[in-house]
Amino acid sequence: LAKQQGFSDKQIALALGSDETAVRAHRKVEGVLPVVKQIDTLAAEFPAQTNYLYMTYNGTHSDQEVRTRGAPHKPTDHEVSTIVLGCGAYRIGSSVEFDWCAVSCIRTLRK
């Protein structure tokens, strides 16, 4: 419930008198993991396949498969997902700002 309300592992640890690493390990053992959801940019008028994704603890399944280097089939570099971290809620009308932030982040990482 705390993760669904937006609390970080560090905040939960402080409230419990524990440390962030212990909270994260316990959360993972209990299966409290985020899911990947896809933003429907067409307001459900038509089927949409977009690359606008977000991670949330308020869901039961992922809309997209996320591949990691730890996956059993050992994906190649072009198969590994890249996550661009942002902040705040995604709202209709903010796509230009979101795209600009993501592009700026990728350009900086390439340097």
PDB file of N, CA and C in Angstrom:
ATOM      1  N   LEU A   1       0.820  -1.195   0.000  1.00  0.00           N
ATOM      2  CA  LEU A   1       0.000   0.000   0.000  1.00  0.00           C
ATOM      3  C   LEU A   1       0.869   1.266   0.000  1.00  0.00           C
ATOM      4  N   ALA A   2       1.963   1.249   0.740  1.00  0.00           N
ATOM      5  CA  ALA A   2       2.834   2.427   0.784  1.00  0.00           C
ATOM      6  C   ALA A   2       3.416   2.719  -0.594  1.00  0.00           C
ATOM      7  N   LYS A   3       3.812   1.693  -1.332  1.00  0.00           N
ATOM      8  CA  LYS A   3       4.364   1.902  -2.670  1.00  0.00           C
ATOM      9  C   LYS A   3       3.285   2.451  -3.597  1.00  0.00           C
ATOM     10  N   GLN A   4       2.052   1.975  -3.471  1.00  0.00           N
ATOM     11  CA  GLN A   4       0.956   2.473  -4.298  1.00  0.00           C
ATOM     12  C   GLN A   4       0.658   3.941  -4.001  1.00  0.00           C
ATOM     13  N   GLN A   5       0.980   4.390  -2.812  1.00  0.00           N
ATOM     14  CA  GLN A   5       0.750   5.783  -2.449  1.00  0.00           C
ATOM     15  C   GLN A   5       1.952   6.668  -2.790  1.00  0.00           C
ATOM     16  N   GLY A   6       3.009   6.085  -3.368  1.00  0.00           N
ATOM     17  CA  GLY A   6       4.133   6.860  -3.858  1.00  0.00           C
ATOM     18  C   GLY A   6       5.322   6.987  -2.929  1.00  0.00           C
ATOM     19  N   PHE A   7       5.343   6.229  -1.833  1.00  0.00           N
ATOM     20  CA  PHE A   7       6.469   6.311  -0.909  1.00  0.00           C
ATOM     21  C   PHE A   7       7.659   5.521  -1.452  1.00  0.00           C
ATOM     22  N   SER A   8       8.849   6.071  -1.306  1.00  0.00           N
ATOM     23  CA  SER A   8      10.065   5.389  -1.745  1.00  0.00           C
ATOM     24  C   SER A   8      10.475   4.358  -0.704  1.00  0.00           C
ATOM     25  N   ASP A   9      11.348   3.444  -1.103  1.00  0.00           N
ATOM     26  CA  ASP A   9      11.868   2.458  -0.150  1.00  0.00           C
ATOM     27  C   ASP A   9      12.579   3.158   1.006  1.00  0.00           C
ATOM     28  N   LYS A  10      13.263   4.255   0.699  1.00  0.00           N
ATOM     29  CA  LYS A  10      13.977   4.998   1.736  1.00  0.00           C
ATOM     30  C   LYS A  10      12.999   5.607   2.746  1.00  0.00           C
ATOM     31  N   GLN A  11      11.906   6.176   2.266  1.00  0.00           N
ATOM     32  CA  GLN A  11      10.906   6.753   3.158  1.00  0.00           C
ATOM     33  C   GLN A  11      10.264   5.679   4.034  1.00  0.00           C
ATOM     34  N   ILE A  12       9.990   4.523   3.453  1.00  0.00           N
ATOM     35  CA  ILE A  12       9.402   3.418   4.218  1.00  0.00           C
ATOM     36  C   ILE A  12      10.390   2.957   5.279  1.00  0.00           C
ATOM     37  N   ALA A  13      11.658   2.856   4.909  1.00  0.00           N
ATOM     38  CA  ALA A  13      12.689   2.434   5.863  1.00  0.00           C
ATOM     39  C   ALA A  13      12.779   3.400   7.042  1.00  0.00           C
ATOM     40  N   LEU A  14      12.756   4.697   6.764  1.00  0.00           N
ATOM     41  CA  LEU A  14      12.810   5.689   7.839  1.00  0.00           C
ATOM     42  C   LEU A  14      11.616   5.541   8.782  1.00  0.00           C
ATOM     43  N   ALA A  15      10.439   5.304   8.230  1.00  0.00           N
ATOM     44  CA  ALA A  15       9.234   5.152   9.049  1.00  0.00           C
ATOM     45  C   ALA A  15       9.289   3.885   9.902  1.00  0.00           C
ATOM     46  N   LEU A  16       9.951   2.855   9.398  1.00  0.00           N
ATOM     47  CA  LEU A  16      10.027   1.569  10.108  1.00  0.00           C
ATOM     48  C   LEU A  16      11.273   1.432  10.972  1.00  0.00           C
ATOM     49  N   GLY A  17      12.164   2.407  10.886  1.00  0.00           N
ATOM     50  CA  GLY A  17      13.422   2.307  11.626  1.00  0.00           C
ATOM     51  C   GLY A  17      14.342   1.251  11.043  1.00  0.00           C
ATOM     52  N   SER A  18      14.291   1.102   9.726  1.00  0.00           N
ATOM     53  CA  SER A  18      15.089   0.102   9.024  1.00  0.00           C
ATOM     54  C   SER A  18      15.996   0.835   8.035  1.00  0.00           C
ATOM     55  N   ASP A  19      16.573   0.088   7.105  1.00  0.00           N
ATOM     56  CA  ASP A  19      17.361   0.735   6.060  1.00  0.00           C
ATOM     57  C   ASP A  19      16.777   0.399   4.690  1.00  0.00           C
ATOM     58  N   GLU A  20      17.098   1.242   3.726  1.00  0.00           N
ATOM     59  CA  GLU A  20      16.532   1.140   2.383  1.00  0.00           C
ATOM     60  C   GLU A  20      16.797  -0.218   1.730  1.00  0.00           C
ATOM     61  N   THR A  21      17.998  -0.739   1.898  1.00  0.00           N
ATOM     62  CA  THR A  21      18.353  -2.024   1.286  1.00  0.00           C
ATOM     63  C   THR A  21      17.500  -3.156   1.835  1.00  0.00           C
ATOM     64  N   ALA A  22      17.271  -3.160   3.129  1.00  0.00           N
ATOM     65  CA  ALA A  22      16.452  -4.209   3.751  1.00  0.00           C
ATOM     66  C   ALA A  22      15.001  -4.110   3.287  1.00  0.00           C
ATOM     67  N   VAL A  23      14.488  -2.898   3.196  1.00  0.00           N
ATOM     68  CA  VAL A  23      13.109  -2.705   2.740  1.00  0.00           C
ATOM     69  C   VAL A  23      12.962  -3.178   1.302  1.00  0.00           C
ATOM     70  N   ARG A  24      13.915  -2.807   0.436  1.00  0.00           N
ATOM     71  CA  ARG A  24      13.857  -3.210  -0.969  1.00  0.00           C
ATOM     72  C   ARG A  24      13.917  -4.734  -1.102  1.00  0.00           C
ATOM     73  N   ALA A  25      14.813  -5.366  -0.347  1.00  0.00           N
ATOM     74  CA  ALA A  25      14.936  -6.826  -0.409  1.00  0.00           C
ATOM     75  C   ALA A  25      13.633  -7.489   0.043  1.00  0.00           C
ATOM     76  N   HIS A  26      13.051  -6.997   1.128  1.00  0.00           N
ATOM     77  CA  HIS A  26      11.798  -7.576   1.630  1.00  0.00           C
ATOM     78  C   HIS A  26      10.658  -7.365   0.630  1.00  0.00           C
ATOM     79  N   ARG A  27      10.600  -6.170   0.031  1.00  0.00           N
ATOM     80  CA  ARG A  27       9.563  -5.873  -0.955  1.00  0.00           C
ATOM     81  C   ARG A  27       9.646  -6.837  -2.135  1.00  0.00           C
ATOM     82  N   LYS A  28      10.871  -7.095  -2.597  1.00  0.00           N
ATOM     83  CA  LYS A  28      11.047  -8.009  -3.729  1.00  0.00           C
ATOM     84  C   LYS A  28      10.677  -9.441  -3.369  1.00  0.00           C
ATOM     85  N   VAL A  29      11.055  -9.881  -2.167  1.00  0.00           N
ATOM     86  CA  VAL A  29      10.694 -11.233  -1.711  1.00  0.00           C
ATOM     87  C   VAL A  29       9.179 -11.384  -1.661  1.00  0.00           C
ATOM     88  N   GLU A  30       8.489 -10.327  -1.232  1.00  0.00           N
ATOM     89  CA  GLU A  30       7.028 -10.353  -1.135  1.00  0.00           C
ATOM     90  C   GLU A  30       6.341 -10.157  -2.490  1.00  0.00           C
ATOM     91  N   GLY A  31       7.137  -9.915  -3.534  1.00  0.00           N
ATOM     92  CA  GLY A  31       6.574  -9.752  -4.872  1.00  0.00           C
ATOM     93  C   GLY A  31       5.944  -8.390  -5.121  1.00  0.00           C
ATOM     94  N   VAL A  32       6.314  -7.398  -4.330  1.00  0.00           N
ATOM     95  CA  VAL A  32       5.806  -6.039  -4.529  1.00  0.00           C
ATOM     96  C   VAL A  32       6.732  -5.361  -5.538  1.00  0.00           C
ATOM     97  N   LEU A  33       6.348  -5.450  -6.800  1.00  0.00           N
ATOM     98  CA  LEU A  33       7.160  -4.953  -7.909  1.00  0.00           C
ATOM     99  C   LEU A  33       6.314  -4.067  -8.812  1.00  0.00           C
ATOM    100  N   PRO A  34       6.924  -3.077  -9.437  1.00  0.00           N
ATOM    101  CA  PRO A  34       6.147  -2.226 -10.342  1.00  0.00           C
ATOM    102  C   PRO A  34       5.829  -2.952 -11.643  1.00  0.00           C
ATOM    103  N   VAL A  35       4.794  -2.480 -12.313  1.00  0.00           N
ATOM    104  CA  VAL A  35       4.443  -2.987 -13.637  1.00  0.00           C
ATOM    105  C   VAL A  35       4.630  -1.845 -14.635  1.00  0.00           C
ATOM    106  N   VAL A  36       4.781  -2.200 -15.901  1.00  0.00           N
ATOM    107  CA  VAL A  36       4.949  -1.217 -16.968  1.00  0.00           C
ATOM    108  C   VAL A  36       3.609  -1.029 -17.661  1.00  0.00           C
ATOM    109  N   LYS A  37       3.149   0.209 -17.688  1.00  0.00           N
ATOM    110  CA  LYS A  37       1.885   0.520 -18.344  1.00  0.00           C
ATOM    111  C   LYS A  37       2.160   1.422 -19.538  1.00  0.00           C
ATOM    112  N   GLN A  38       1.254   1.369 -20.501  1.00  0.00           N
ATOM    113  CA  GLN A  38       1.390   2.128 -21.737  1.00  0.00           C
ATOM    114  C   GLN A  38       0.330   3.231 -21.763  1.00  0.00           C
ATOM    115  N   ILE A  39       0.739   4.437 -22.109  1.00  0.00           N
ATOM    116  CA  ILE A  39      -0.195   5.546 -22.197  1.00  0.00           C
ATOM    117  C   ILE A  39      -0.954   5.449 -23.515  1.00  0.00           C
ATOM    118  N   ASP A  40      -2.272   5.474 -23.422  1.00  0.00           N
ATOM    119  CA  ASP A  40      -3.112   5.436 -24.614  1.00  0.00           C
ATOM    120  C   ASP A  40      -3.250   6.848 -25.151  1.00  0.00           C
ATOM    121  N   THR A  41      -2.490   7.165 -26.185  1.00  0.00           N
ATOM    122  CA  THR A  41      -2.482   8.524 -26.737  1.00  0.00           C
ATOM    123  C   THR A  41      -3.681   8.791 -27.643  1.00  0.00           C
ATOM    124  N   LEU A  42      -4.496   7.780 -27.898  1.00  0.00           N
ATOM    125  CA  LEU A  42      -5.656   7.963 -28.774  1.00  0.00           C
ATOM    126  C   LEU A  42      -6.978   7.897 -28.010  1.00  0.00           C
ATOM    127  N   ALA A  43      -6.918   7.990 -26.695  1.00  0.00           N
ATOM    128  CA  ALA A  43      -8.110   8.019 -25.838  1.00  0.00           C
ATOM    129  C   ALA A  43      -9.060   6.855 -26.110  1.00  0.00           C
ATOM    130  N   ALA A  44      -8.524   5.700 -26.431  1.00  0.00           N
ATOM    131  CA  ALA A  44      -9.281   4.465 -26.664  1.00  0.00           C
ATOM    132  C   ALA A  44     -10.216   4.540 -27.876  1.00  0.00           C
ATOM    133  N   GLU A  45     -10.021   5.552 -28.726  1.00  0.00           N
ATOM    134  CA  GLU A  45     -10.837   5.631 -29.936  1.00  0.00           C
ATOM    135  C   GLU A  45     -10.395   4.604 -30.973  1.00  0.00           C
ATOM    136  N   PHE A  46      -9.083   4.349 -31.007  1.00  0.00           N
ATOM    137  CA  PHE A  46      -8.505   3.381 -31.928  1.00  0.00           C
ATOM    138  C   PHE A  46      -7.437   2.613 -31.166  1.00  0.00           C
ATOM    139  N   PRO A  47      -7.088   1.400 -31.607  1.00  0.00           N
ATOM    140  CA  PRO A  47      -5.967   0.697 -30.962  1.00  0.00           C
ATOM    141  C   PRO A  47      -4.684   1.516 -31.120  1.00  0.00           C
ATOM    142  N   ALA A  48      -3.930   1.649 -30.042  1.00  0.00           N
ATOM    143  CA  ALA A  48      -2.717   2.463 -30.077  1.00  0.00           C
ATOM    144  C   ALA A  48      -1.530   1.661 -29.587  1.00  0.00           C
ATOM    145  N   GLN A  49      -0.434   1.748 -30.311  1.00  0.00           N
ATOM    146  CA  GLN A  49       0.833   1.168 -29.885  1.00  0.00           C
ATOM    147  C   GLN A  49       1.831   2.315 -29.821  1.00  0.00           C
ATOM    148  N   THR A  50       2.087   2.805 -28.621  1.00  0.00           N
ATOM    149  CA  THR A  50       3.004   3.927 -28.467  1.00  0.00           C
ATOM    150  C   THR A  50       4.184   3.515 -27.606  1.00  0.00           C
ATOM    151  N   ASN A  51       5.205   4.343 -27.641  1.00  0.00           N
ATOM    152  CA  ASN A  51       6.355   4.090 -26.786  1.00  0.00           C
ATOM    153  C   ASN A  51       6.310   4.948 -25.530  1.00  0.00           C
ATOM    154  N   TYR A  52       5.161   5.487 -25.207  1.00  0.00           N
ATOM    155  CA  TYR A  52       4.997   6.254 -23.970  1.00  0.00           C
ATOM    156  C   TYR A  52       4.627   5.281 -22.856  1.00  0.00           C
ATOM    157  N   LEU A  53       5.601   4.986 -22.044  1.00  0.00           N
ATOM    158  CA  LEU A  53       5.424   3.992 -20.984  1.00  0.00           C
ATOM    159  C   LEU A  53       5.711   4.612 -19.627  1.00  0.00           C
ATOM    160  N   TYR A  54       5.135   4.034 -18.598  1.00  0.00           N
ATOM    161  CA  TYR A  54       5.453   4.456 -17.233  1.00  0.00           C
ATOM    162  C   TYR A  54       5.396   3.243 -16.321  1.00  0.00           C
ATOM    163  N   MET A  55       6.083   3.337 -15.201  1.00  0.00           N
ATOM    164  CA  MET A  55       6.085   2.250 -14.222  1.00  0.00           C
ATOM    165  C   MET A  55       5.239   2.668 -13.033  1.00  0.00           C
ATOM    166  N   THR A  56       4.457   1.717 -12.520  1.00  0.00           N
ATOM    167  CA  THR A  56       3.568   2.012 -11.411  1.00  0.00           C
ATOM    168  C   THR A  56       3.412   0.788 -10.516  1.00  0.00           C
ATOM    169  N   TYR A  57       3.104   1.037  -9.274  1.00  0.00           N
ATOM    170  CA  TYR A  57       2.760  -0.043  -8.346  1.00  0.00           C
ATOM    171  C   TYR A  57       1.248  -0.223  -8.305  1.00  0.00           C
ATOM    172  N   ASN A  58       0.507   0.561  -9.079  1.00  0.00           N
ATOM    173  CA  ASN A  58      -0.951   0.492  -9.121  1.00  0.00           C
ATOM    174  C   ASN A  58      -1.419  -0.285 -10.339  1.00  0.00           C
ATOM    175  N   GLY A  59      -1.010  -1.521 -10.441  1.00  0.00           N
ATOM    176  CA  GLY A  59      -1.414  -2.370 -11.545  1.00  0.00           C
ATOM    177  C   GLY A  59      -1.103  -3.820 -11.218  1.00  0.00           C
ATOM    178  N   THR A  60      -1.705  -4.723 -11.988  1.00  0.00           N
ATOM    179  CA  THR A  60      -1.493  -6.148 -11.735  1.00  0.00           C
ATOM    180  C   THR A  60      -0.680  -6.830 -12.826  1.00  0.00           C
ATOM    181  N   HIS A  61      -0.587  -6.203 -14.004  1.00  0.00           N
ATOM    182  CA  HIS A  61       0.185  -6.795 -15.098  1.00  0.00           C
ATOM    183  C   HIS A  61       0.809  -5.690 -15.949  1.00  0.00           C
ATOM    184  N   SER A  62       1.858  -6.035 -16.652  1.00  0.00           N
ATOM    185  CA  SER A  62       2.543  -5.077 -17.525  1.00  0.00           C
ATOM    186  C   SER A  62       1.922  -5.085 -18.913  1.00  0.00           C
ATOM    187  N   ASP A  63       1.862  -3.910 -19.513  1.00  0.00           N
ATOM    188  CA  ASP A  63       1.402  -3.792 -20.902  1.00  0.00           C
ATOM    189  C   ASP A  63       2.515  -4.117 -21.884  1.00  0.00           C
ATOM    190  N   GLN A  64       3.763  -4.007 -21.445  1.00  0.00           N
ATOM    191  CA  GLN A  64       4.933  -4.254 -22.284  1.00  0.00           C
ATOM    192  C   GLN A  64       5.906  -5.153 -21.543  1.00  0.00           C
ATOM    193  N   GLU A  65       6.594  -6.008 -22.270  1.00  0.00           N
ATOM    194  CA  GLU A  65       7.646  -6.824 -21.679  1.00  0.00           C
ATOM    195  C   GLU A  65       8.900  -5.968 -21.531  1.00  0.00           C
ATOM    196  N   VAL A  66       9.523  -6.044 -20.374  1.00  0.00           N
ATOM    197  CA  VAL A  66      10.766  -5.319 -20.144  1.00  0.00           C
ATOM    198  C   VAL A  66      11.889  -6.346 -20.090  1.00  0.00           C
ATOM    199  N   ARG A  67      12.837  -6.213 -20.988  1.00  0.00           N
ATOM    200  CA  ARG A  67      13.967  -7.150 -21.028  1.00  0.00           C
ATOM    201  C   ARG A  67      15.140  -6.560 -20.282  1.00  0.00           C
ATOM    202  N   THR A  68      15.793  -7.384 -19.518  1.00  0.00           N
ATOM    203  CA  THR A  68      16.973  -6.934 -18.775  1.00  0.00           C
ATOM    204  C   THR A  68      18.144  -7.850 -19.090  1.00  0.00           C
ATOM    205  N   ARG A  69      19.326  -7.402 -18.744  1.00  0.00           N
ATOM    206  CA  ARG A  69      20.505  -8.232 -18.978  1.00  0.00           C
ATOM    207  C   ARG A  69      20.472  -9.500 -18.126  1.00  0.00           C
ATOM    208  N   GLY A  70      19.683  -9.512 -17.074  1.00  0.00           N
ATOM    209  CA  GLY A  70      19.580 -10.685 -16.214  1.00  0.00           C
ATOM    210  C   GLY A  70      18.558 -11.707 -16.702  1.00  0.00           C
ATOM    211  N   ALA A  71      17.944 -11.438 -17.850  1.00  0.00           N
ATOM    212  CA  ALA A  71      16.921 -12.349 -18.375  1.00  0.00           C
ATOM    213  C   ALA A  71      17.550 -13.679 -18.767  1.00  0.00           C
ATOM    214  N   PRO A  72      16.782 -14.763 -18.668  1.00  0.00           N
ATOM    215  CA  PRO A  72      17.333 -16.095 -18.959  1.00  0.00           C
ATOM    216  C   PRO A  72      17.915 -16.255 -20.362  1.00  0.00           C
ATOM    217  N   HIS A  73      17.363 -15.595 -21.376  1.00  0.00           N
ATOM    218  CA  HIS A  73      17.852 -15.791 -22.744  1.00  0.00           C
ATOM    219  C   HIS A  73      18.990 -14.848 -23.116  1.00  0.00           C
ATOM    220  N   LYS A  74      19.468 -14.036 -22.189  1.00  0.00           N
ATOM    221  CA  LYS A  74      20.614 -13.138 -22.405  1.00  0.00           C
ATOM    222  C   LYS A  74      20.423 -12.311 -23.685  1.00  0.00           C
ATOM    223  N   PRO A  75      19.586 -11.249 -23.624  1.00  0.00           N
ATOM    224  CA  PRO A  75      19.329 -10.447 -24.814  1.00  0.00           C
ATOM    225  C   PRO A  75      20.575  -9.710 -25.288  1.00  0.00           C
ATOM    226  N   THR A  76      20.586  -9.406 -26.575  1.00  0.00           N
ATOM    227  CA  THR A  76      21.684  -8.621 -27.131  1.00  0.00           C
ATOM    228  C   THR A  76      21.483  -7.162 -26.738  1.00  0.00           C
ATOM    229  N   ASP A  77      22.484  -6.329 -27.007  1.00  0.00           N
ATOM    230  CA  ASP A  77      22.394  -4.918 -26.621  1.00  0.00           C
ATOM    231  C   ASP A  77      21.182  -4.219 -27.227  1.00  0.00           C
ATOM    232  N   HIS A  78      20.842  -4.543 -28.485  1.00  0.00           N
ATOM    233  CA  HIS A  78      19.703  -3.853 -29.093  1.00  0.00           C
ATOM    234  C   HIS A  78      18.364  -4.358 -28.561  1.00  0.00           C
ATOM    235  N   GLU A  79      18.342  -5.460 -27.828  1.00  0.00           N
ATOM    236  CA  GLU A  79      17.107  -5.965 -27.227  1.00  0.00           C
ATOM    237  C   GLU A  79      16.894  -5.458 -25.799  1.00  0.00           C
ATOM    238  N   VAL A  80      17.925  -4.918 -25.190  1.00  0.00           N
ATOM    239  CA  VAL A  80      17.819  -4.464 -23.807  1.00  0.00           C
ATOM    240  C   VAL A  80      17.030  -3.161 -23.761  1.00  0.00           C
ATOM    241  N   SER A  81      16.072  -3.082 -22.864  1.00  0.00           N
ATOM    242  CA  SER A  81      15.257  -1.880 -22.725  1.00  0.00           C
ATOM    243  C   SER A  81      16.057  -0.751 -22.093  1.00  0.00           C
ATOM    244  N   THR A  82      15.741   0.451 -22.493  1.00  0.00           N
ATOM    245  CA  THR A  82      16.327   1.641 -21.891  1.00  0.00           C
ATOM    246  C   THR A  82      15.214   2.401 -21.200  1.00  0.00           C
ATOM    247  N   ILE A  83      15.455   2.799 -19.973  1.00  0.00           N
ATOM    248  CA  ILE A  83      14.456   3.550 -19.229  1.00  0.00           C
ATOM    249  C   ILE A  83      14.935   4.981 -19.098  1.00  0.00           C
ATOM    250  N   VAL A  84      14.097   5.920 -19.482  1.00  0.00           N
ATOM    251  CA  VAL A  84      14.375   7.331 -19.288  1.00  0.00           C
ATOM    252  C   VAL A  84      13.532   7.769 -18.103  1.00  0.00           C
ATOM    253  N   LEU A  85      14.200   8.157 -17.023  1.00  0.00           N
ATOM    254  CA  LEU A  85      13.493   8.540 -15.817  1.00  0.00           C
ATOM    255  C   LEU A  85      13.007   9.974 -15.900  1.00  0.00           C
ATOM    256  N   GLY A  86      11.798  10.193 -15.438  1.00  0.00           N
ATOM    257  CA  GLY A  86      11.236  11.534 -15.383  1.00  0.00           C
ATOM    258  C   GLY A  86      10.671  11.772 -13.999  1.00  0.00           C
ATOM    259  N   CYS A  87      10.005  12.865 -13.850  1.00  0.00           N
ATOM    260  CA  CYS A  87       9.392  13.141 -12.557  1.00  0.00           C
ATOM    261  C   CYS A  87       8.003  13.700 -12.778  1.00  0.00           C
ATOM    262  N   GLY A  88       7.177  13.535 -11.789  1.00  0.00           N
ATOM    263  CA  GLY A  88       5.831  14.077 -11.853  1.00  0.00           C
ATOM    264  C   GLY A  88       4.893  13.209 -12.670  1.00  0.00           C
ATOM    265  N   ALA A  89       3.669  13.610 -12.663  1.00  0.00           N
ATOM    266  CA  ALA A  89       2.626  12.849 -13.367  1.00  0.00           C
ATOM    267  C   ALA A  89       2.614  13.223 -14.846  1.00  0.00           C
ATOM    268  N   TYR A  90       2.257  12.269 -15.684  1.00  0.00           N
ATOM    269  CA  TYR A  90       2.095  12.523 -17.117  1.00  0.00           C
ATOM    270  C   TYR A  90       0.652  12.952 -17.328  1.00  0.00           C
ATOM    271  N   ARG A  91       0.469  14.098 -17.919  1.00  0.00           N
ATOM    272  CA  ARG A  91      -0.874  14.612 -18.145  1.00  0.00           C
ATOM    273  C   ARG A  91      -1.037  14.998 -19.618  1.00  0.00           C
ATOM    274  N   ILE A  92      -2.268  14.959 -20.079  1.00  0.00           N
ATOM    275  CA  ILE A  92      -2.564  15.366 -21.447  1.00  0.00           C
ATOM    276  C   ILE A  92      -2.067  16.804 -21.633  1.00  0.00           C
ATOM    277  N   GLY A  93      -1.352  17.035 -22.726  1.00  0.00           N
ATOM    278  CA  GLY A  93      -0.835  18.362 -23.013  1.00  0.00           C
ATOM    279  C   GLY A  93       0.620  18.543 -22.617  1.00  0.00           C
ATOM    280  N   SER A  94       1.170  17.582 -21.908  1.00  0.00           N
ATOM    281  CA  SER A  94       2.569  17.723 -21.476  1.00  0.00           C
ATOM    282  C   SER A  94       3.520  16.927 -22.351  1.00  0.00           C
ATOM    283  N   SER A  95       3.035  16.374 -23.452  1.00  0.00           N
ATOM    284  CA  SER A  95       3.872  15.489 -24.260  1.00  0.00           C
ATOM    285  C   SER A  95       5.089  16.196 -24.836  1.00  0.00           C
ATOM    286  N   VAL A  96       4.956  17.453 -25.214  1.00  0.00           N
ATOM    287  CA  VAL A  96       6.102  18.174 -25.780  1.00  0.00           C
ATOM    288  C   VAL A  96       7.202  18.293 -24.736  1.00  0.00           C
ATOM    289  N   GLU A  97       6.843  18.672 -23.517  1.00  0.00           N
ATOM    290  CA  GLU A  97       7.834  18.800 -22.457  1.00  0.00           C
ATOM    291  C   GLU A  97       8.444  17.438 -22.126  1.00  0.00           C
ATOM    292  N   PHE A  98       7.620  16.406 -22.098  1.00  0.00           N
ATOM    293  CA  PHE A  98       8.113  15.062 -21.803  1.00  0.00           C
ATOM    294  C   PHE A  98       9.096  14.615 -22.876  1.00  0.00           C
ATOM    295  N   ASP A  99       8.745  14.796 -24.136  1.00  0.00           N
ATOM    296  CA  ASP A  99       9.629  14.414 -25.239  1.00  0.00           C
ATOM    297  C   ASP A  99      10.944  15.180 -25.179  1.00  0.00           C
ATOM    298  N   TRP A 100      10.881  16.482 -24.912  1.00  0.00           N
ATOM    299  CA  TRP A 100      12.086  17.298 -24.838  1.00  0.00           C
ATOM    300  C   TRP A 100      12.993  16.796 -23.731  1.00  0.00           C
ATOM    301  N   CYS A 101      12.437  16.498 -22.573  1.00  0.00           N
ATOM    302  CA  CYS A 101      13.241  15.994 -21.457  1.00  0.00           C
ATOM    303  C   CYS A 101      13.889  14.654 -21.812  1.00  0.00           C
ATOM    304  N   ALA A 102      13.126  13.763 -22.424  1.00  0.00           N
ATOM    305  CA  ALA A 102      13.653  12.449 -22.782  1.00  0.00           C
ATOM    306  C   ALA A 102      14.777  12.573 -23.807  1.00  0.00           C
ATOM    307  N   VAL A 103      14.570  13.388 -24.827  1.00  0.00           N
ATOM    308  CA  VAL A 103      15.591  13.567 -25.860  1.00  0.00           C
ATOM    309  C   VAL A 103      16.846  14.188 -25.261  1.00  0.00           C
ATOM    310  N   SER A 104      16.684  15.181 -24.409  1.00  0.00           N
ATOM    311  CA  SER A 104      17.841  15.815 -23.766  1.00  0.00           C
ATOM    312  C   SER A 104      18.615  14.820 -22.919  1.00  0.00           C
ATOM    313  N   CYS A 105      17.888  13.954 -22.231  1.00  0.00           N
ATOM    314  CA  CYS A 105      18.532  12.933 -21.403  1.00  0.00           C
ATOM    315  C   CYS A 105      19.351  11.972 -22.260  1.00  0.00           C
ATOM    316  N   ILE A 106      18.785  11.487 -23.337  1.00  0.00           N
ATOM    317  CA  ILE A 106      19.468  10.543 -24.217  1.00  0.00           C
ATOM    318  C   ILE A 106      20.705  11.199 -24.835  1.00  0.00           C
ATOM    319  N   ARG A 107      20.573  12.449 -25.273  1.00  0.00           N
ATOM    320  CA  ARG A 107      21.723  13.153 -25.857  1.00  0.00           C
ATOM    321  C   ARG A 107      22.857  13.283 -24.849  1.00  0.00           C
ATOM    322  N   THR A 108      22.513  13.571 -23.606  1.00  0.00           N
ATOM    323  CA  THR A 108      23.531  13.696 -22.569  1.00  0.00           C
ATOM    324  C   THR A 108      24.190  12.347 -22.305  1.00  0.00           C
ATOM    325  N   LEU A 109      23.416  11.279 -22.262  1.00  0.00           N
ATOM    326  CA  LEU A 109      23.970   9.946 -22.029  1.00  0.00           C
ATOM    327  C   LEU A 109      24.905   9.516 -23.165  1.00  0.00           C
ATOM    328  N   ARG A 110      24.588   9.923 -24.390  1.00  0.00           N
ATOM    329  CA  ARG A 110      25.434   9.564 -25.533  1.00  0.00           C
ATOM    330  C   ARG A 110      26.799  10.236 -25.467  1.00  0.00           C
ATOM    331  N   LYS A 111      26.868  11.421 -24.838  1.00  0.00           N
ATOM    332  CA  LYS A 111      28.149  12.129 -24.704  1.00  0.00           C
ATOM    333  C   LYS A 111      28.982  11.385 -23.734  1.00  0.00           C
TER     334      LYS A 111
END
